[in-house]
Amino acid sequence: MWTKIVVSHPRAALALAVLLVLAIPTPHQVVPAWPMRLIDQFGAARPGIETTQTWRHLAYQSDKQSETRHSDAQGRVAFPERVVWGSALRYLYGIVRNLAQDGTDAGFGPDVWVFAKADAANGGRNVYTPGQAPPDIMVIHRYGVCVSVRPAAPPAEPVQRPLDKLGP
């Protein structure tokens, strides 16, 4: 029966095959594993700090998900890699939905941050930027203000200038 349909309607069969392939879900990384260290402005570890990671992929998920952990005695806290499964059709649907809801402010990729609650009234967050390593240190100052520190970048090459171009 299927052979008869494919032979008599090859374009319809091709369209159905393409649609089926586009409906196959594949994994998409939302954020890599994210270890970080919480320290004070003097470099001392901040143990026991409540830290919450919140994540979602804007094209695949409409609801945010979160997990809370506490920093250990060395001020370390780590969150696992987050992966979402979705098909190309779901991705296209997410793009159209986000454009209809948010217009030119629409987002389509990962939306991830870590919030450290320094005390009852203060805290701060590290934001993950896709394509970059997540910030690995959060400095929690005396009054609870938090500052994220990205991993150290390799030093830039020194600029070579000819000696005759140097000014006084």
N, C-alpha and C. Protein backbone atom coordinates (compact mmCIF):
# COMPACT_ATOMS: atom_id res chain seq x y z
N MET A 1 0.81 -1.18 0.00
CA MET A 1 0.00 0.00 0.00
C MET A 1 0.86 1.27 0.00
N TRP A 2 1.88 1.32 0.89
CA TRP A 2 2.76 2.50 0.94
C TRP A 2 3.51 2.67 -0.37
N THR A 3 3.90 1.57 -0.97
CA THR A 3 4.61 1.63 -2.24
C THR A 3 3.74 2.27 -3.31
N LYS A 4 2.48 1.92 -3.30
CA LYS A 4 1.55 2.48 -4.27
C LYS A 4 1.40 4.00 -4.09
N ILE A 5 1.33 4.46 -2.81
CA ILE A 5 1.20 5.89 -2.53
C ILE A 5 2.47 6.63 -2.94
N VAL A 6 3.63 6.06 -2.62
CA VAL A 6 4.91 6.70 -2.95
C VAL A 6 5.09 6.81 -4.46
N VAL A 7 4.74 5.77 -5.17
CA VAL A 7 4.89 5.78 -6.62
C VAL A 7 3.91 6.76 -7.27
N SER A 8 2.67 6.78 -6.79
CA SER A 8 1.67 7.64 -7.42
C SER A 8 1.76 9.10 -6.96
N HIS A 9 2.36 9.38 -5.79
CA HIS A 9 2.48 10.75 -5.27
C HIS A 9 3.89 10.98 -4.71
N PRO A 10 4.91 11.03 -5.58
CA PRO A 10 6.29 11.15 -5.07
C PRO A 10 6.55 12.45 -4.31
N ARG A 11 5.95 13.55 -4.72
CA ARG A 11 6.18 14.83 -4.01
C ARG A 11 5.57 14.79 -2.61
N ALA A 12 4.40 14.22 -2.49
CA ALA A 12 3.76 14.10 -1.18
C ALA A 12 4.59 13.19 -0.27
N ALA A 13 5.12 12.11 -0.85
CA ALA A 13 5.95 11.19 -0.07
C ALA A 13 7.23 11.87 0.39
N LEU A 14 7.85 12.67 -0.49
CA LEU A 14 9.06 13.40 -0.12
C LEU A 14 8.76 14.43 0.97
N ALA A 15 7.65 15.15 0.84
CA ALA A 15 7.27 16.13 1.86
C ALA A 15 7.03 15.45 3.20
N LEU A 16 6.40 14.29 3.20
CA LEU A 16 6.15 13.55 4.43
C LEU A 16 7.47 13.08 5.05
N ALA A 17 8.39 12.61 4.21
CA ALA A 17 9.70 12.16 4.71
C ALA A 17 10.47 13.32 5.35
N VAL A 18 10.46 14.48 4.69
CA VAL A 18 11.15 15.66 5.24
C VAL A 18 10.51 16.06 6.57
N LEU A 19 9.21 16.05 6.64
CA LEU A 19 8.49 16.41 7.86
C LEU A 19 8.84 15.45 9.00
N LEU A 20 8.93 14.18 8.69
CA LEU A 20 9.29 13.19 9.70
C LEU A 20 10.71 13.41 10.21
N VAL A 21 11.64 13.71 9.32
CA VAL A 21 13.03 13.97 9.73
C VAL A 21 13.10 15.21 10.61
N LEU A 22 12.36 16.26 10.24
CA LEU A 22 12.36 17.50 11.04
C LEU A 22 11.70 17.31 12.40
N ALA A 23 10.93 16.25 12.58
CA ALA A 23 10.25 15.99 13.85
C ALA A 23 11.09 15.14 14.80
N ILE A 24 12.25 14.68 14.37
CA ILE A 24 13.10 13.85 15.23
C ILE A 24 13.79 14.73 16.27
N PRO A 25 13.58 14.47 17.56
CA PRO A 25 14.24 15.28 18.59
C PRO A 25 15.73 14.97 18.70
N THR A 26 16.50 16.00 18.94
CA THR A 26 17.95 15.88 19.15
C THR A 26 18.32 16.68 20.40
N PRO A 27 19.44 16.35 21.05
CA PRO A 27 19.83 17.08 22.26
C PRO A 27 20.46 18.44 21.92
N HIS A 28 20.17 19.43 22.76
CA HIS A 28 20.75 20.77 22.61
C HIS A 28 21.24 21.23 23.97
N GLN A 29 22.51 21.57 24.06
CA GLN A 29 23.08 22.01 25.34
C GLN A 29 22.56 23.40 25.69
N VAL A 30 22.01 23.54 26.88
CA VAL A 30 21.56 24.83 27.36
C VAL A 30 22.73 25.53 28.05
N VAL A 31 23.46 24.80 28.89
CA VAL A 31 24.64 25.34 29.57
C VAL A 31 25.56 24.18 29.92
N PRO A 32 26.89 24.37 29.78
CA PRO A 32 27.80 23.31 30.19
C PRO A 32 27.83 23.18 31.71
N ALA A 33 28.49 22.15 32.20
CA ALA A 33 28.67 22.02 33.65
C ALA A 33 29.29 23.33 34.16
N TRP A 34 28.80 23.81 35.30
CA TRP A 34 29.19 25.13 35.77
C TRP A 34 29.69 25.07 37.22
N PRO A 35 30.99 24.80 37.40
CA PRO A 35 31.54 24.89 38.76
C PRO A 35 31.97 26.33 39.04
N MET A 36 31.81 26.76 40.28
CA MET A 36 32.27 28.09 40.63
C MET A 36 32.68 28.12 42.09
N ARG A 37 33.40 29.16 42.43
CA ARG A 37 33.86 29.35 43.80
C ARG A 37 33.33 30.68 44.30
N LEU A 38 32.75 30.67 45.48
CA LEU A 38 32.23 31.88 46.11
C LEU A 38 33.24 32.36 47.14
N ILE A 39 33.73 33.59 46.97
CA ILE A 39 34.73 34.14 47.87
C ILE A 39 34.31 35.55 48.31
N ASP A 40 34.95 36.04 49.38
CA ASP A 40 34.70 37.42 49.78
C ASP A 40 35.73 38.33 49.10
N GLN A 41 35.66 39.63 49.37
CA GLN A 41 36.53 40.58 48.68
C GLN A 41 38.01 40.38 49.04
N PHE A 42 38.30 39.58 50.08
CA PHE A 42 39.68 39.33 50.47
C PHE A 42 40.18 37.97 49.96
N GLY A 43 39.32 37.23 49.25
CA GLY A 43 39.71 35.94 48.68
C GLY A 43 39.39 34.75 49.56
N ALA A 44 38.76 34.99 50.71
CA ALA A 44 38.40 33.88 51.60
C ALA A 44 37.13 33.20 51.11
N ALA A 45 37.08 31.88 51.27
CA ALA A 45 35.91 31.10 50.84
C ALA A 45 34.67 31.51 51.62
N ARG A 46 33.52 31.46 50.96
CA ARG A 46 32.22 31.74 51.59
C ARG A 46 31.41 30.44 51.61
N PRO A 47 31.53 29.65 52.69
CA PRO A 47 30.78 28.40 52.77
C PRO A 47 29.32 28.63 53.12
N GLY A 48 28.47 27.67 52.71
CA GLY A 48 27.07 27.67 53.08
C GLY A 48 26.20 28.70 52.39
N ILE A 49 26.67 29.29 51.30
CA ILE A 49 25.88 30.29 50.58
C ILE A 49 24.86 29.58 49.69
N GLU A 50 23.59 29.95 49.83
CA GLU A 50 22.52 29.39 49.00
C GLU A 50 22.68 29.92 47.58
N THR A 51 22.82 29.01 46.63
CA THR A 51 23.08 29.37 45.23
C THR A 51 22.07 28.64 44.35
N THR A 52 21.39 29.40 43.50
CA THR A 52 20.35 28.82 42.65
C THR A 52 20.69 29.04 41.18
N GLN A 53 20.69 27.96 40.41
CA GLN A 53 20.86 28.07 38.96
C GLN A 53 19.48 28.01 38.32
N THR A 54 19.21 28.96 37.42
CA THR A 54 17.95 29.01 36.69
C THR A 54 18.27 28.94 35.20
N TRP A 55 17.54 28.12 34.47
CA TRP A 55 17.85 27.94 33.06
C TRP A 55 16.60 27.63 32.24
N ARG A 56 16.71 27.93 30.95
CA ARG A 56 15.75 27.49 29.94
C ARG A 56 16.33 27.83 28.57
N HIS A 57 15.91 27.10 27.56
CA HIS A 57 16.25 27.41 26.18
C HIS A 57 15.02 28.08 25.60
N LEU A 58 15.15 29.33 25.22
CA LEU A 58 13.99 30.14 24.84
C LEU A 58 13.21 29.58 23.66
N ALA A 59 13.86 28.86 22.76
CA ALA A 59 13.14 28.31 21.61
C ALA A 59 12.45 26.99 21.93
N TYR A 60 12.94 26.26 22.94
CA TYR A 60 12.38 24.95 23.25
C TYR A 60 11.53 24.91 24.51
N GLN A 61 11.76 25.83 25.43
CA GLN A 61 11.07 25.79 26.71
C GLN A 61 10.40 27.13 26.99
N SER A 62 9.19 27.09 27.52
CA SER A 62 8.55 28.34 27.90
C SER A 62 8.68 28.59 29.40
N ASP A 63 8.89 27.55 30.18
CA ASP A 63 9.03 27.70 31.64
C ASP A 63 10.48 27.58 32.07
N LYS A 64 10.85 28.38 33.05
CA LYS A 64 12.20 28.32 33.63
C LYS A 64 12.26 27.13 34.58
N GLN A 65 13.45 26.57 34.69
CA GLN A 65 13.70 25.50 35.64
C GLN A 65 14.81 25.97 36.56
N SER A 66 14.84 25.49 37.79
CA SER A 66 15.90 25.92 38.70
C SER A 66 16.27 24.81 39.67
N GLU A 67 17.49 24.93 40.20
CA GLU A 67 18.00 24.01 41.21
C GLU A 67 18.82 24.83 42.20
N THR A 68 18.63 24.56 43.50
CA THR A 68 19.36 25.27 44.54
C THR A 68 20.35 24.34 45.22
N ARG A 69 21.56 24.83 45.42
CA ARG A 69 22.61 24.12 46.14
C ARG A 69 23.28 25.10 47.10
N HIS A 70 24.08 24.56 48.04
CA HIS A 70 24.82 25.40 48.97
C HIS A 70 26.31 25.18 48.77
N SER A 71 27.10 26.26 48.91
CA SER A 71 28.54 26.14 48.73
C SER A 71 29.14 25.32 49.87
N ASP A 72 30.18 24.56 49.55
CA ASP A 72 30.83 23.70 50.55
C ASP A 72 31.81 24.52 51.40
N ALA A 73 32.60 23.84 52.22
CA ALA A 73 33.53 24.52 53.14
C ALA A 73 34.58 25.35 52.40
N GLN A 74 34.91 24.99 51.16
CA GLN A 74 35.86 25.75 50.37
C GLN A 74 35.19 26.80 49.50
N GLY A 75 33.88 26.98 49.66
CA GLY A 75 33.14 27.97 48.89
C GLY A 75 32.78 27.50 47.49
N ARG A 76 32.95 26.20 47.22
CA ARG A 76 32.67 25.69 45.88
C ARG A 76 31.22 25.22 45.77
N VAL A 77 30.67 25.45 44.60
CA VAL A 77 29.35 24.93 44.25
C VAL A 77 29.41 24.58 42.77
N ALA A 78 28.78 23.48 42.39
CA ALA A 78 28.83 23.06 40.99
C ALA A 78 27.45 22.61 40.53
N PHE A 79 27.14 22.98 39.30
CA PHE A 79 25.89 22.57 38.68
C PHE A 79 26.21 21.74 37.44
N PRO A 80 25.42 20.69 37.17
CA PRO A 80 25.70 19.82 36.02
C PRO A 80 25.32 20.49 34.69
N GLU A 81 25.77 19.87 33.61
CA GLU A 81 25.38 20.31 32.27
C GLU A 81 23.86 20.19 32.14
N ARG A 82 23.26 21.16 31.48
CA ARG A 82 21.81 21.14 31.24
C ARG A 82 21.58 20.94 29.75
N VAL A 83 20.76 19.97 29.41
CA VAL A 83 20.47 19.63 28.02
C VAL A 83 18.96 19.56 27.83
N VAL A 84 18.49 20.06 26.71
CA VAL A 84 17.07 19.96 26.36
C VAL A 84 16.98 19.21 25.03
N TRP A 85 15.96 18.39 24.91
CA TRP A 85 15.73 17.66 23.66
C TRP A 85 14.62 18.35 22.88
N GLY A 86 14.84 18.54 21.59
CA GLY A 86 13.82 19.16 20.77
C GLY A 86 14.09 18.95 19.29
N SER A 87 13.05 19.01 18.51
CA SER A 87 13.17 18.82 17.07
C SER A 87 13.31 20.16 16.37
N ALA A 88 13.66 20.11 15.10
CA ALA A 88 13.76 21.33 14.30
C ALA A 88 12.39 21.99 14.18
N LEU A 89 11.32 21.18 14.10
CA LEU A 89 9.97 21.75 14.04
C LEU A 89 9.64 22.49 15.33
N ARG A 90 10.05 21.94 16.47
CA ARG A 90 9.81 22.61 17.76
C ARG A 90 10.60 23.92 17.82
N TYR A 91 11.82 23.91 17.31
CA TYR A 91 12.64 25.12 17.29
C TYR A 91 11.98 26.21 16.45
N LEU A 92 11.50 25.85 15.26
CA LEU A 92 10.82 26.82 14.40
C LEU A 92 9.56 27.35 15.07
N TYR A 93 8.81 26.48 15.73
CA TYR A 93 7.62 26.91 16.46
C TYR A 93 8.00 27.89 17.56
N GLY A 94 9.09 27.60 18.30
CA GLY A 94 9.55 28.49 19.37
C GLY A 94 9.95 29.86 18.85
N ILE A 95 10.60 29.89 17.70
CA ILE A 95 10.99 31.17 17.11
C ILE A 95 9.76 31.99 16.75
N VAL A 96 8.80 31.36 16.08
CA VAL A 96 7.57 32.07 15.69
C VAL A 96 6.82 32.54 16.93
N ARG A 97 6.70 31.67 17.94
CA ARG A 97 5.99 32.04 19.18
C ARG A 97 6.68 33.23 19.86
N ASN A 98 8.00 33.20 19.97
CA ASN A 98 8.72 34.28 20.64
C ASN A 98 8.62 35.58 19.86
N LEU A 99 8.70 35.51 18.54
CA LEU A 99 8.55 36.72 17.74
C LEU A 99 7.15 37.31 17.89
N ALA A 100 6.13 36.45 17.93
CA ALA A 100 4.76 36.94 18.09
C ALA A 100 4.55 37.57 19.47
N GLN A 101 5.18 37.02 20.50
CA GLN A 101 5.00 37.54 21.85
C GLN A 101 5.87 38.77 22.12
N ASP A 102 7.14 38.73 21.71
CA ASP A 102 8.10 39.76 22.11
C ASP A 102 8.58 40.66 20.99
N GLY A 103 8.20 40.37 19.76
CA GLY A 103 8.63 41.21 18.64
C GLY A 103 10.14 41.23 18.49
N THR A 104 10.69 42.43 18.35
CA THR A 104 12.13 42.56 18.11
C THR A 104 12.97 42.26 19.35
N ASP A 105 12.34 42.15 20.52
CA ASP A 105 13.07 41.81 21.75
C ASP A 105 13.11 40.30 22.00
N ALA A 106 12.62 39.52 21.06
CA ALA A 106 12.53 38.07 21.24
C ALA A 106 13.92 37.44 21.34
N GLY A 107 14.02 36.41 22.17
CA GLY A 107 15.24 35.63 22.30
C GLY A 107 14.99 34.22 21.82
N PHE A 108 16.06 33.53 21.40
CA PHE A 108 15.90 32.19 20.83
C PHE A 108 16.84 31.16 21.41
N GLY A 109 17.81 31.56 22.20
CA GLY A 109 18.81 30.62 22.70
C GLY A 109 18.72 30.41 24.19
N PRO A 110 19.82 29.92 24.79
CA PRO A 110 19.84 29.67 26.23
C PRO A 110 19.71 30.96 27.05
N ASP A 111 19.04 30.83 28.18
CA ASP A 111 18.87 31.92 29.14
C ASP A 111 19.19 31.32 30.49
N VAL A 112 20.41 31.58 31.01
CA VAL A 112 20.90 30.88 32.20
C VAL A 112 21.60 31.86 33.13
N TRP A 113 21.35 31.72 34.42
CA TRP A 113 22.09 32.50 35.40
C TRP A 113 22.15 31.73 36.71
N VAL A 114 23.11 32.15 37.55
CA VAL A 114 23.26 31.61 38.90
C VAL A 114 23.13 32.78 39.87
N PHE A 115 22.27 32.62 40.86
CA PHE A 115 22.04 33.66 41.86
C PHE A 115 22.56 33.17 43.21
N ALA A 116 23.45 33.93 43.81
CA ALA A 116 23.97 33.60 45.14
C ALA A 116 23.31 34.54 46.14
N LYS A 117 22.69 33.99 47.15
CA LYS A 117 22.00 34.78 48.16
C LYS A 117 22.97 35.01 49.32
N ALA A 118 23.57 36.21 49.34
CA ALA A 118 24.58 36.52 50.33
C ALA A 118 23.98 36.65 51.73
N ASP A 119 22.83 37.27 51.85
CA ASP A 119 22.10 37.36 53.11
C ASP A 119 20.63 37.57 52.77
N ALA A 120 19.82 37.86 53.77
CA ALA A 120 18.37 37.95 53.55
C ALA A 120 17.99 39.02 52.54
N ALA A 121 18.78 40.10 52.45
CA ALA A 121 18.39 41.22 51.57
C ALA A 121 19.27 41.37 50.34
N ASN A 122 20.41 40.71 50.30
CA ASN A 122 21.36 40.95 49.22
C ASN A 122 21.77 39.67 48.51
N GLY A 123 22.16 39.85 47.29
CA GLY A 123 22.66 38.73 46.49
C GLY A 123 23.11 39.27 45.15
N GLY A 124 23.55 38.38 44.32
CA GLY A 124 23.97 38.79 42.99
C GLY A 124 23.96 37.59 42.07
N ARG A 125 24.10 37.86 40.78
CA ARG A 125 24.01 36.75 39.85
C ARG A 125 25.12 36.78 38.82
N ASN A 126 25.48 35.58 38.39
CA ASN A 126 26.39 35.35 37.28
C ASN A 126 25.53 34.95 36.10
N VAL A 127 25.79 35.51 34.95
CA VAL A 127 25.02 35.21 33.75
C VAL A 127 25.90 34.43 32.78
N TYR A 128 25.33 33.36 32.22
CA TYR A 128 26.05 32.57 31.22
C TYR A 128 25.82 33.17 29.84
N THR A 129 26.91 33.37 29.09
CA THR A 129 26.83 33.84 27.72
C THR A 129 27.19 32.67 26.80
N PRO A 130 26.24 32.22 25.95
CA PRO A 130 26.53 31.08 25.06
C PRO A 130 27.80 31.32 24.25
N GLY A 131 28.59 30.27 24.14
CA GLY A 131 29.84 30.35 23.38
C GLY A 131 31.03 30.75 24.22
N GLN A 132 30.80 31.13 25.47
CA GLN A 132 31.89 31.50 26.38
C GLN A 132 31.88 30.55 27.57
N ALA A 133 33.02 30.46 28.25
CA ALA A 133 33.06 29.66 29.47
C ALA A 133 32.26 30.38 30.55
N PRO A 134 31.51 29.65 31.36
CA PRO A 134 30.75 30.31 32.43
C PRO A 134 31.69 30.97 33.43
N PRO A 135 31.27 32.08 34.05
CA PRO A 135 32.10 32.70 35.10
C PRO A 135 32.39 31.68 36.19
N ASP A 136 33.64 31.63 36.66
CA ASP A 136 33.99 30.59 37.63
C ASP A 136 34.21 31.10 39.05
N ILE A 137 34.14 32.41 39.26
CA ILE A 137 34.29 32.97 40.60
C ILE A 137 33.21 34.01 40.81
N MET A 138 32.62 34.00 41.99
CA MET A 138 31.69 35.06 42.37
C MET A 138 32.23 35.68 43.65
N VAL A 139 32.52 36.97 43.61
CA VAL A 139 33.03 37.69 44.77
C VAL A 139 31.84 38.30 45.51
N ILE A 140 31.69 37.91 46.76
CA ILE A 140 30.60 38.42 47.58
C ILE A 140 31.19 39.41 48.57
N HIS A 141 30.91 40.68 48.38
CA HIS A 141 31.47 41.73 49.22
C HIS A 141 30.78 41.81 50.58
N ARG A 142 31.30 42.61 51.43
CA ARG A 142 30.85 42.72 52.82
C ARG A 142 29.35 42.95 52.96
N TYR A 143 28.78 43.77 52.08
CA TYR A 143 27.36 44.08 52.20
C TYR A 143 26.50 43.26 51.25
N GLY A 144 27.03 42.13 50.77
CA GLY A 144 26.25 41.23 49.96
C GLY A 144 26.26 41.49 48.47
N VAL A 145 26.98 42.52 48.03
CA VAL A 145 27.05 42.80 46.60
C VAL A 145 27.94 41.75 45.95
N CYS A 146 27.46 41.14 44.87
CA CYS A 146 28.21 40.08 44.21
C CYS A 146 28.73 40.55 42.86
N VAL A 147 29.93 40.11 42.53
CA VAL A 147 30.55 40.43 41.25
C VAL A 147 31.04 39.13 40.64
N SER A 148 30.73 38.90 39.37
CA SER A 148 31.19 37.67 38.72
C SER A 148 32.53 37.92 38.06
N VAL A 149 33.34 36.89 38.00
CA VAL A 149 34.65 36.96 37.38
C VAL A 149 34.74 35.83 36.36
N ARG A 150 34.99 36.18 35.12
CA ARG A 150 35.13 35.18 34.06
C ARG A 150 36.50 34.53 34.15
N PRO A 151 36.64 33.32 33.61
CA PRO A 151 37.97 32.69 33.60
C PRO A 151 38.98 33.59 32.90
N ALA A 152 40.19 33.51 33.35
CA ALA A 152 41.24 34.37 32.78
C ALA A 152 41.44 34.07 31.30
N ALA A 153 41.51 35.12 30.51
CA ALA A 153 41.77 34.99 29.07
C ALA A 153 43.28 34.96 28.86
N PRO A 154 43.75 34.32 27.79
CA PRO A 154 45.19 34.33 27.52
C PRO A 154 45.64 35.76 27.28
N PRO A 155 46.87 36.08 27.68
CA PRO A 155 47.35 37.45 27.49
C PRO A 155 47.40 37.82 26.01
N ALA A 156 47.10 39.07 25.73
CA ALA A 156 47.13 39.55 24.35
C ALA A 156 48.58 39.71 23.89
N GLU A 157 48.76 39.56 22.61
CA GLU A 157 50.09 39.75 22.03
C GLU A 157 50.49 41.21 22.17
N PRO A 158 51.74 41.48 22.56
CA PRO A 158 52.17 42.88 22.65
C PRO A 158 52.21 43.51 21.26
N VAL A 159 51.89 44.77 21.21
CA VAL A 159 51.89 45.50 19.94
C VAL A 159 53.33 45.94 19.65
N GLN A 160 53.82 45.58 18.48
CA GLN A 160 55.17 45.96 18.06
C GLN A 160 55.08 47.24 17.24
N ARG A 161 55.76 48.28 17.70
CA ARG A 161 55.78 49.53 16.96
C ARG A 161 57.22 49.85 16.59
N PRO A 162 57.44 50.37 15.39
CA PRO A 162 58.81 50.74 15.01
C PRO A 162 59.33 51.84 15.93
N LEU A 163 60.63 51.82 16.15
CA LEU A 163 61.25 52.78 17.06
C LEU A 163 61.07 54.22 16.57
N ASP A 164 61.04 54.46 15.27
CA ASP A 164 60.91 55.84 14.78
C ASP A 164 59.49 56.38 14.98
N LYS A 165 58.52 55.53 15.33
CA LYS A 165 57.15 55.99 15.53
C LYS A 165 56.87 56.34 17.02
N LEU A 166 57.82 56.05 17.90
CA LEU A 166 57.62 56.32 19.31
C LEU A 166 57.73 57.81 19.56
N GLY A 167 56.83 58.35 20.32
CA GLY A 167 56.85 59.77 20.65
C GLY A 167 57.63 60.02 21.91
N PRO A 168 57.83 61.32 22.26
CA PRO A 168 58.60 61.64 23.47
C PRO A 168 57.86 61.25 24.72
